[in-house]
Amino acid sequence: MRVVSGATRRRFGLLMGAGLVAPLVVRAHDGPHLVEAGIEGFAFVPCRLEIRAGDTVRWTNHDIAPHTATDKAGGWDTGRIAKGESSDVTYDAPGTYAVFCRFHPNMIAEVVVEPA
């Protein structure tokens, strides 16, 4: 049987304690972020985004066809995004936004904006 010194046991205990405490720490939202969203294979990737109010989503088209990212309720629209181009939308108001492409209405996504 291997003998473990008191110092080793203390270090192990400290490391284990740190591991148990770390997941309980909540990081405050440190300001607006830029979130990348892709359009590829005639789909929004990811199809659901969870962001905070004030964040900006950069919609980038990786397809050969032009697309839009359009709010189904009519609140915003990226306009036509050609292959390799991007369009940014900043979400200031909390809520859930249903997104679709005006050219390909079967392409859908959801943006969930939480309070900052």
Protein backbone atom coordinates (compact mmCIF):
# COMPACT_ATOMS: atom_id res chain seq x y z
CA MET A 1 0.00 0.00 0.00
CA ARG A 2 1.30 3.43 -0.93
CA VAL A 3 1.65 6.06 1.81
CA VAL A 4 0.30 9.51 0.96
CA SER A 5 1.75 12.45 2.85
CA GLY A 6 -0.40 15.04 4.59
CA ALA A 7 0.77 17.72 2.12
CA THR A 8 -0.35 15.59 -0.82
CA ARG A 9 -3.75 15.01 0.79
CA ARG A 10 -4.14 18.76 1.41
CA ARG A 11 -3.25 19.61 -2.22
CA PHE A 12 -5.70 17.00 -3.45
CA GLY A 13 -8.39 18.40 -1.17
CA LEU A 14 -7.75 21.94 -2.38
CA LEU A 15 -7.94 20.86 -6.01
CA MET A 16 -11.13 18.89 -5.42
CA GLY A 17 -12.66 21.81 -3.54
CA ALA A 18 -11.77 24.19 -6.37
CA GLY A 19 -13.36 21.80 -8.83
CA LEU A 20 -16.57 21.69 -6.83
CA VAL A 21 -16.78 25.47 -6.44
CA ALA A 22 -15.85 26.52 -9.99
CA PRO A 23 -19.10 25.43 -11.68
CA LEU A 24 -21.09 27.51 -9.17
CA VAL A 25 -19.39 30.74 -10.24
CA VAL A 26 -21.56 32.76 -12.62
CA ARG A 27 -19.76 35.11 -14.99
CA ALA A 28 -21.51 38.43 -15.50
CA HIS A 29 -22.30 39.50 -19.04
CA ASP A 30 -19.26 41.61 -19.86
CA GLY A 31 -20.82 43.72 -22.60
CA PRO A 32 -22.02 43.23 -26.16
CA HIS A 33 -20.62 40.35 -28.19
CA LEU A 34 -20.34 39.56 -31.88
CA VAL A 35 -21.91 36.17 -32.58
CA GLU A 36 -21.21 34.37 -35.87
CA ALA A 37 -24.05 32.60 -37.69
CA GLY A 38 -23.65 30.88 -41.03
CA ILE A 39 -25.87 30.14 -43.97
CA GLU A 40 -24.84 26.92 -45.69
CA GLY A 41 -26.55 24.01 -47.39
CA PHE A 42 -29.69 26.17 -47.63
CA ALA A 43 -29.92 26.28 -43.82
CA PHE A 44 -29.06 28.63 -40.96
CA VAL A 45 -26.21 27.26 -38.85
CA PRO A 46 -26.91 27.12 -35.99
CA CYS A 47 -30.69 27.09 -36.37
CA ARG A 48 -31.14 28.47 -32.81
CA LEU A 49 -29.08 31.26 -31.27
CA GLU A 50 -29.24 32.34 -27.63
CA ILE A 51 -27.76 35.78 -27.10
CA ARG A 52 -28.05 38.79 -24.77
CA ALA A 53 -29.65 42.15 -25.54
CA GLY A 54 -27.04 44.37 -27.19
CA ASP A 55 -25.28 41.47 -28.95
CA THR A 56 -24.75 41.53 -32.70
CA VAL A 57 -25.21 38.51 -34.97
CA ARG A 58 -23.08 38.41 -38.11
CA TRP A 59 -24.99 36.41 -40.75
CA THR A 60 -22.48 35.04 -43.31
CA ASN A 61 -23.56 33.33 -46.53
CA HIS A 62 -21.44 30.29 -47.46
CA ASP A 63 -23.89 29.08 -50.15
CA ILE A 64 -23.73 29.72 -53.90
CA ALA A 65 -27.23 31.27 -53.86
CA PRO A 66 -28.10 34.63 -52.27
CA HIS A 67 -30.03 34.57 -48.98
CA THR A 68 -31.54 36.87 -46.37
CA ALA A 69 -32.02 36.60 -42.64
CA THR A 70 -35.40 38.20 -42.09
CA ASP A 71 -37.52 38.66 -38.96
CA LYS A 72 -40.85 36.94 -39.57
CA ALA A 73 -42.59 39.75 -37.64
CA GLY A 74 -41.01 42.34 -39.96
CA GLY A 75 -38.80 44.05 -37.38
CA TRP A 76 -35.52 43.69 -39.33
CA ASP A 77 -34.04 42.25 -42.49
CA THR A 78 -30.41 41.78 -43.55
CA GLY A 79 -31.25 42.40 -47.18
CA ARG A 80 -29.70 40.26 -49.91
CA ILE A 81 -26.50 38.52 -48.77
CA ALA A 82 -24.44 37.18 -51.68
CA LYS A 83 -22.00 34.26 -51.47
CA GLY A 84 -19.10 35.14 -49.16
CA GLU A 85 -20.77 38.29 -47.84
CA SER A 86 -22.06 39.09 -44.36
CA SER A 87 -24.64 41.32 -42.75
CA ASP A 88 -24.79 42.33 -39.08
CA VAL A 89 -27.93 42.69 -36.98
CA THR A 90 -27.83 44.07 -33.42
CA TYR A 91 -30.57 42.83 -31.10
CA ASP A 92 -31.41 45.44 -28.47
CA ALA A 93 -34.79 44.15 -27.30
CA PRO A 94 -35.23 40.85 -25.43
CA GLY A 95 -37.56 38.37 -27.08
CA THR A 96 -37.71 35.43 -29.45
CA TYR A 97 -37.32 36.18 -33.14
CA ALA A 98 -38.43 33.76 -35.85
CA VAL A 99 -36.02 34.06 -38.79
CA PHE A 100 -36.47 32.98 -42.40
CA CYS A 101 -34.94 33.61 -45.83
CA ARG A 102 -37.13 35.70 -48.17
CA PHE A 103 -35.75 33.78 -51.19
CA HIS A 104 -36.12 30.34 -49.57
CA PRO A 105 -38.94 30.51 -46.96
CA ASN A 106 -38.34 26.89 -45.88
CA MET A 107 -35.05 28.08 -44.31
CA ILE A 108 -35.90 28.95 -40.70
CA ALA A 109 -34.06 29.76 -37.49
CA GLU A 110 -34.72 31.27 -34.09
CA VAL A 111 -32.88 33.99 -32.20
CA VAL A 112 -33.58 34.13 -28.46
CA VAL A 113 -32.51 37.42 -26.90
CA GLU A 114 -32.21 37.45 -23.10
CA PRO A 115 -31.99 40.68 -21.07
CA ALA A 116 -28.44 41.99 -20.73
